[in-house]
């Protein structure tokens, strides 16, 4: 009986260690595709420099004047394109993983250089999407992240899932 208890404890410990430490899939799956056809388009609508941010919400035509096309999609709650202190761009769904409501959208916190949910108050690290404070930290809920890659031959970028 003692051996069985030790084996069970060992299996539980291994299961705990095997976890990656957070939930990254709370936001419902949604299509993501935003094309920056050229470097000039990225310069106008993208982000460069430290702590620059821009929201992309297709249903609201944000940012104003952005040339969305038929294949464009901006995720579940919209997209937050943001740079960290090293000017490296990251893309997250605007939907807070605590609230899971596409109309409750994270915001850039100018005072603390992080992302913040205006409803639950949870804050998130720009470089990882990881929870820093609030209910998101308690539940280990990460922001849903998306990819950025070079696109086309004119220095463009593509945001995708």
C-alpha atoms as a PDB file:
ATOM      1  CA  UNK A   1       0.000   0.000   0.000  1.00  0.00           C
ATOM      2  CA  UNK A   2       2.855   2.370   0.864  1.00  0.00           C
ATOM      3  CA  UNK A   3       4.454   1.746  -2.562  1.00  0.00           C
ATOM      4  CA  UNK A   4       1.196   2.605  -4.288  1.00  0.00           C
ATOM      5  CA  UNK A   5       0.956   5.868  -2.344  1.00  0.00           C
ATOM      6  CA  UNK A   6       4.550   6.776  -3.252  1.00  0.00           C
ATOM      7  CA  UNK A   7       3.896   5.961  -6.892  1.00  0.00           C
ATOM      8  CA  UNK A   8       0.748   8.087  -6.872  1.00  0.00           C
ATOM      9  CA  UNK A   9       2.608  11.019  -5.278  1.00  0.00           C
ATOM     10  CA  UNK A  10       5.393  10.687  -7.851  1.00  0.00           C
ATOM     11  CA  UNK A  11       2.870  10.737 -10.717  1.00  0.00           C
ATOM     12  CA  UNK A  12       1.170  13.819  -9.287  1.00  0.00           C
ATOM     13  CA  UNK A  13       4.517  15.603  -8.923  1.00  0.00           C
ATOM     14  CA  UNK A  14       5.462  14.755 -12.506  1.00  0.00           C
ATOM     15  CA  UNK A  15       2.112  16.024 -13.769  1.00  0.00           C
ATOM     16  CA  UNK A  16       2.592  19.303 -11.904  1.00  0.00           C
ATOM     17  CA  UNK A  17       6.093  19.792 -13.334  1.00  0.00           C
ATOM     18  CA  UNK A  18       4.923  18.960 -16.875  1.00  0.00           C
ATOM     19  CA  UNK A  19       2.463  21.868 -16.930  1.00  0.00           C
ATOM     20  CA  UNK A  20       3.745  25.011 -18.702  1.00  0.00           C
ATOM     21  CA  UNK A  21       2.436  27.196 -15.936  1.00  0.00           C
ATOM     22  CA  UNK A  22      -0.432  29.006 -17.615  1.00  0.00           C
ATOM     23  CA  UNK A  23      -3.567  28.924 -19.706  1.00  0.00           C
ATOM     24  CA  UNK A  24      -3.020  30.383 -23.170  1.00  0.00           C
ATOM     25  CA  UNK A  25      -6.233  29.188 -24.826  1.00  0.00           C
ATOM     26  CA  UNK A  26      -9.140  30.823 -22.987  1.00  0.00           C
ATOM     27  CA  UNK A  27     -10.126  33.085 -25.890  1.00  0.00           C
ATOM     28  CA  UNK A  28     -12.366  31.382 -28.491  1.00  0.00           C
ATOM     29  CA  UNK A  29     -10.538  30.630 -31.743  1.00  0.00           C
ATOM     30  CA  UNK A  30     -11.057  33.279 -34.422  1.00  0.00           C
ATOM     31  CA  UNK A  31      -9.434  34.079 -37.745  1.00  0.00           C
ATOM     32  CA  UNK A  32      -6.531  36.536 -37.787  1.00  0.00           C
ATOM     33  CA  UNK A  33      -5.038  38.069 -40.916  1.00  0.00           C
ATOM     34  CA  UNK A  34      -3.830  41.638 -41.284  1.00  0.00           C
ATOM     35  CA  UNK A  35      -1.611  42.440 -44.263  1.00  0.00           C
ATOM     36  CA  UNK A  36       0.883  45.287 -44.476  1.00  0.00           C
ATOM     37  CA  UNK A  37       1.751  45.081 -48.180  1.00  0.00           C
ATOM     38  CA  UNK A  38       4.851  47.285 -48.009  1.00  0.00           C
ATOM     39  CA  UNK A  39       7.317  48.946 -45.676  1.00  0.00           C
ATOM     40  CA  UNK A  40       5.517  52.256 -46.301  1.00  0.00           C
ATOM     41  CA  UNK A  41       2.251  50.705 -45.112  1.00  0.00           C
ATOM     42  CA  UNK A  42       3.980  49.314 -42.004  1.00  0.00           C
ATOM     43  CA  UNK A  43       5.505  52.748 -41.366  1.00  0.00           C
ATOM     44  CA  UNK A  44       2.055  54.335 -41.553  1.00  0.00           C
ATOM     45  CA  UNK A  45      -0.065  51.773 -39.664  1.00  0.00           C
ATOM     46  CA  UNK A  46       2.414  49.536 -37.842  1.00  0.00           C
ATOM     47  CA  UNK A  47       4.530  50.159 -34.778  1.00  0.00           C
ATOM     48  CA  UNK A  48       8.159  51.187 -34.403  1.00  0.00           C
ATOM     49  CA  UNK A  49      10.044  52.499 -31.415  1.00  0.00           C
ATOM     50  CA  UNK A  50       9.586  51.541 -27.780  1.00  0.00           C
ATOM     51  CA  UNK A  51       6.139  51.175 -26.223  1.00  0.00           C
ATOM     52  CA  UNK A  52       4.178  52.081 -29.360  1.00  0.00           C
ATOM     53  CA  UNK A  53       0.755  50.493 -29.672  1.00  0.00           C
ATOM     54  CA  UNK A  54      -2.100  50.332 -32.143  1.00  0.00           C
ATOM     55  CA  UNK A  55      -5.491  48.613 -32.122  1.00  0.00           C
ATOM     56  CA  UNK A  56      -6.935  46.778 -35.124  1.00  0.00           C
ATOM     57  CA  UNK A  57     -10.698  46.160 -35.003  1.00  0.00           C
ATOM     58  CA  UNK A  58     -12.155  45.304 -38.397  1.00  0.00           C
ATOM     59  CA  UNK A  59     -15.817  45.794 -37.374  1.00  0.00           C
ATOM     60  CA  UNK A  60     -15.033  49.356 -36.248  1.00  0.00           C
ATOM     61  CA  UNK A  61     -12.671  50.104 -39.168  1.00  0.00           C
ATOM     62  CA  UNK A  62      -9.798  50.793 -36.751  1.00  0.00           C
ATOM     63  CA  UNK A  63      -7.300  52.166 -37.321  1.00  0.00           C
ATOM     64  CA  UNK A  64      -9.072  54.743 -39.470  1.00  0.00           C
ATOM     65  CA  UNK A  65      -8.074  54.497 -43.104  1.00  0.00           C
ATOM     66  CA  UNK A  66      -6.396  51.095 -42.819  1.00  0.00           C
ATOM     67  CA  UNK A  67      -6.953  49.227 -46.110  1.00  0.00           C
ATOM     68  CA  UNK A  68      -8.589  46.013 -44.897  1.00  0.00           C
ATOM     69  CA  UNK A  69      -9.334  43.496 -47.658  1.00  0.00           C
ATOM     70  CA  UNK A  70     -11.672  40.497 -48.090  1.00  0.00           C
ATOM     71  CA  UNK A  71      -9.279  38.130 -46.303  1.00  0.00           C
ATOM     72  CA  UNK A  72      -8.727  40.452 -43.321  1.00  0.00           C
ATOM     73  CA  UNK A  73      -9.696  39.236 -39.860  1.00  0.00           C
ATOM     74  CA  UNK A  74      -8.854  40.714 -36.460  1.00  0.00           C
ATOM     75  CA  UNK A  75      -9.406  37.862 -34.010  1.00  0.00           C
ATOM     76  CA  UNK A  76     -12.041  37.507 -31.314  1.00  0.00           C
ATOM     77  CA  UNK A  77     -11.941  40.977 -29.747  1.00  0.00           C
ATOM     78  CA  UNK A  78      -9.602  42.796 -32.118  1.00  0.00           C
ATOM     79  CA  UNK A  79      -5.814  43.008 -32.122  1.00  0.00           C
ATOM     80  CA  UNK A  80      -3.297  44.918 -30.040  1.00  0.00           C
ATOM     81  CA  UNK A  81      -0.054  45.511 -31.921  1.00  0.00           C
ATOM     82  CA  UNK A  82       2.512  46.746 -29.401  1.00  0.00           C
ATOM     83  CA  UNK A  83       6.276  47.084 -28.967  1.00  0.00           C
ATOM     84  CA  UNK A  84       8.300  46.446 -25.843  1.00  0.00           C
ATOM     85  CA  UNK A  85      11.226  48.506 -24.531  1.00  0.00           C
ATOM     86  CA  UNK A  86      13.477  47.030 -27.257  1.00  0.00           C
ATOM     87  CA  UNK A  87      11.018  48.054 -30.023  1.00  0.00           C
ATOM     88  CA  UNK A  88      10.178  44.394 -30.726  1.00  0.00           C
ATOM     89  CA  UNK A  89       6.566  44.060 -31.931  1.00  0.00           C
ATOM     90  CA  UNK A  90       4.051  41.649 -30.404  1.00  0.00           C
ATOM     91  CA  UNK A  91       0.399  40.971 -31.270  1.00  0.00           C
ATOM     92  CA  UNK A  92      -2.322  39.953 -28.811  1.00  0.00           C
ATOM     93  CA  UNK A  93      -6.069  39.560 -28.957  1.00  0.00           C
ATOM     94  CA  UNK A  94      -7.716  42.568 -27.333  1.00  0.00           C
ATOM     95  CA  UNK A  95     -10.083  40.285 -25.411  1.00  0.00           C
ATOM     96  CA  UNK A  96      -9.197  39.903 -21.734  1.00  0.00           C
ATOM     97  CA  UNK A  97      -8.783  36.186 -20.921  1.00  0.00           C
ATOM     98  CA  UNK A  98     -10.457  36.711 -17.543  1.00  0.00           C
ATOM     99  CA  UNK A  99     -13.579  38.367 -18.949  1.00  0.00           C
ATOM    100  CA  UNK A 100     -13.785  36.397 -22.252  1.00  0.00           C
ATOM    101  CA  UNK A 101     -16.011  39.102 -23.735  1.00  0.00           C
ATOM    102  CA  UNK A 102     -15.019  40.523 -27.145  1.00  0.00           C
ATOM    103  CA  UNK A 103     -16.301  43.957 -26.096  1.00  0.00           C
ATOM    104  CA  UNK A 104     -14.093  44.186 -22.981  1.00  0.00           C
ATOM    105  CA  UNK A 105     -10.738  45.058 -24.507  1.00  0.00           C
ATOM    106  CA  UNK A 106      -7.300  45.381 -22.979  1.00  0.00           C
ATOM    107  CA  UNK A 107      -5.626  48.772 -23.098  1.00  0.00           C
ATOM    108  CA  UNK A 108      -2.057  50.024 -23.046  1.00  0.00           C
ATOM    109  CA  UNK A 109      -1.168  51.324 -19.569  1.00  0.00           C
ATOM    110  CA  UNK A 110       0.988  54.415 -20.219  1.00  0.00           C
ATOM    111  CA  UNK A 111       2.078  54.712 -16.583  1.00  0.00           C
ATOM    112  CA  UNK A 112       3.268  51.119 -16.080  1.00  0.00           C
ATOM    113  CA  UNK A 113       4.187  50.108 -19.657  1.00  0.00           C
ATOM    114  CA  UNK A 114       1.994  47.028 -19.634  1.00  0.00           C
ATOM    115  CA  UNK A 115      -1.397  45.928 -20.959  1.00  0.00           C
ATOM    116  CA  UNK A 116      -4.414  46.231 -18.657  1.00  0.00           C
ATOM    117  CA  UNK A 117      -8.048  45.127 -18.599  1.00  0.00           C
ATOM    118  CA  UNK A 118     -10.299  48.090 -17.741  1.00  0.00           C
ATOM    119  CA  UNK A 119     -12.912  45.822 -16.121  1.00  0.00           C
ATOM    120  CA  UNK A 120     -11.057  43.266 -13.967  1.00  0.00           C
ATOM    121  CA  UNK A 121      -7.865  45.335 -13.610  1.00  0.00           C
ATOM    122  CA  UNK A 122      -5.540  42.468 -14.530  1.00  0.00           C
ATOM    123  CA  UNK A 123      -2.229  43.521 -16.050  1.00  0.00           C
ATOM    124  CA  UNK A 124      -0.115  41.691 -18.629  1.00  0.00           C
ATOM    125  CA  UNK A 125       3.533  41.784 -19.693  1.00  0.00           C
ATOM    126  CA  UNK A 126       4.011  43.236 -23.183  1.00  0.00           C
ATOM    127  CA  UNK A 127       6.784  40.809 -24.186  1.00  0.00           C
ATOM    128  CA  UNK A 128       5.116  37.576 -23.072  1.00  0.00           C
ATOM    129  CA  UNK A 129       1.396  38.262 -22.690  1.00  0.00           C
ATOM    130  CA  UNK A 130       1.857  36.757 -19.241  1.00  0.00           C
ATOM    131  CA  UNK A 131      -0.285  37.837 -16.300  1.00  0.00           C
ATOM    132  CA  UNK A 132       1.341  40.231 -13.841  1.00  0.00           C
ATOM    133  CA  UNK A 133      -1.476  41.144 -11.434  1.00  0.00           C
ATOM    134  CA  UNK A 134      -5.146  40.567 -10.716  1.00  0.00           C
ATOM    135  CA  UNK A 135      -7.457  37.678 -11.508  1.00  0.00           C
ATOM    136  CA  UNK A 136      -5.346  36.822 -14.569  1.00  0.00           C
ATOM    137  CA  UNK A 137      -2.323  36.191 -12.335  1.00  0.00           C
ATOM    138  CA  UNK A 138      -4.409  34.167  -9.886  1.00  0.00           C
ATOM    139  CA  UNK A 139      -5.720  31.976 -12.719  1.00  0.00           C
ATOM    140  CA  UNK A 140      -2.461  32.107 -14.733  1.00  0.00           C
ATOM    141  CA  UNK A 141      -4.369  33.363 -17.800  1.00  0.00           C
ATOM    142  CA  UNK A 142      -2.173  34.604 -20.641  1.00  0.00           C
ATOM    143  CA  UNK A 143      -3.248  36.905 -23.454  1.00  0.00           C
ATOM    144  CA  UNK A 144      -3.916  35.140 -26.750  1.00  0.00           C
ATOM    145  CA  UNK A 145      -0.897  35.847 -28.957  1.00  0.00           C
ATOM    146  CA  UNK A 146      -0.544  35.848 -32.729  1.00  0.00           C
ATOM    147  CA  UNK A 147       2.344  35.793 -35.213  1.00  0.00           C
ATOM    148  CA  UNK A 148       4.075  38.553 -37.190  1.00  0.00           C
ATOM    149  CA  UNK A 149       6.158  37.620 -40.228  1.00  0.00           C
ATOM    150  CA  UNK A 150       7.729  39.285 -43.271  1.00  0.00           C
ATOM    151  CA  UNK A 151       5.267  39.503 -46.153  1.00  0.00           C
ATOM    152  CA  UNK A 152       5.735  40.057 -49.878  1.00  0.00           C
ATOM    153  CA  UNK A 153       8.734  41.547 -51.600  1.00  0.00           C
ATOM    154  CA  UNK A 154       8.227  45.198 -50.656  1.00  0.00           C
ATOM    155  CA  UNK A 155       9.157  44.942 -46.966  1.00  0.00           C
ATOM    156  CA  UNK A 156       5.629  44.239 -45.739  1.00  0.00           C
ATOM    157  CA  UNK A 157       4.452  42.365 -42.657  1.00  0.00           C
ATOM    158  CA  UNK A 158       1.688  39.840 -42.009  1.00  0.00           C
ATOM    159  CA  UNK A 159      -0.164  39.272 -38.741  1.00  0.00           C
ATOM    160  CA  UNK A 160      -1.762  35.822 -38.619  1.00  0.00           C
ATOM    161  CA  UNK A 161      -2.938  32.963 -36.433  1.00  0.00           C
END
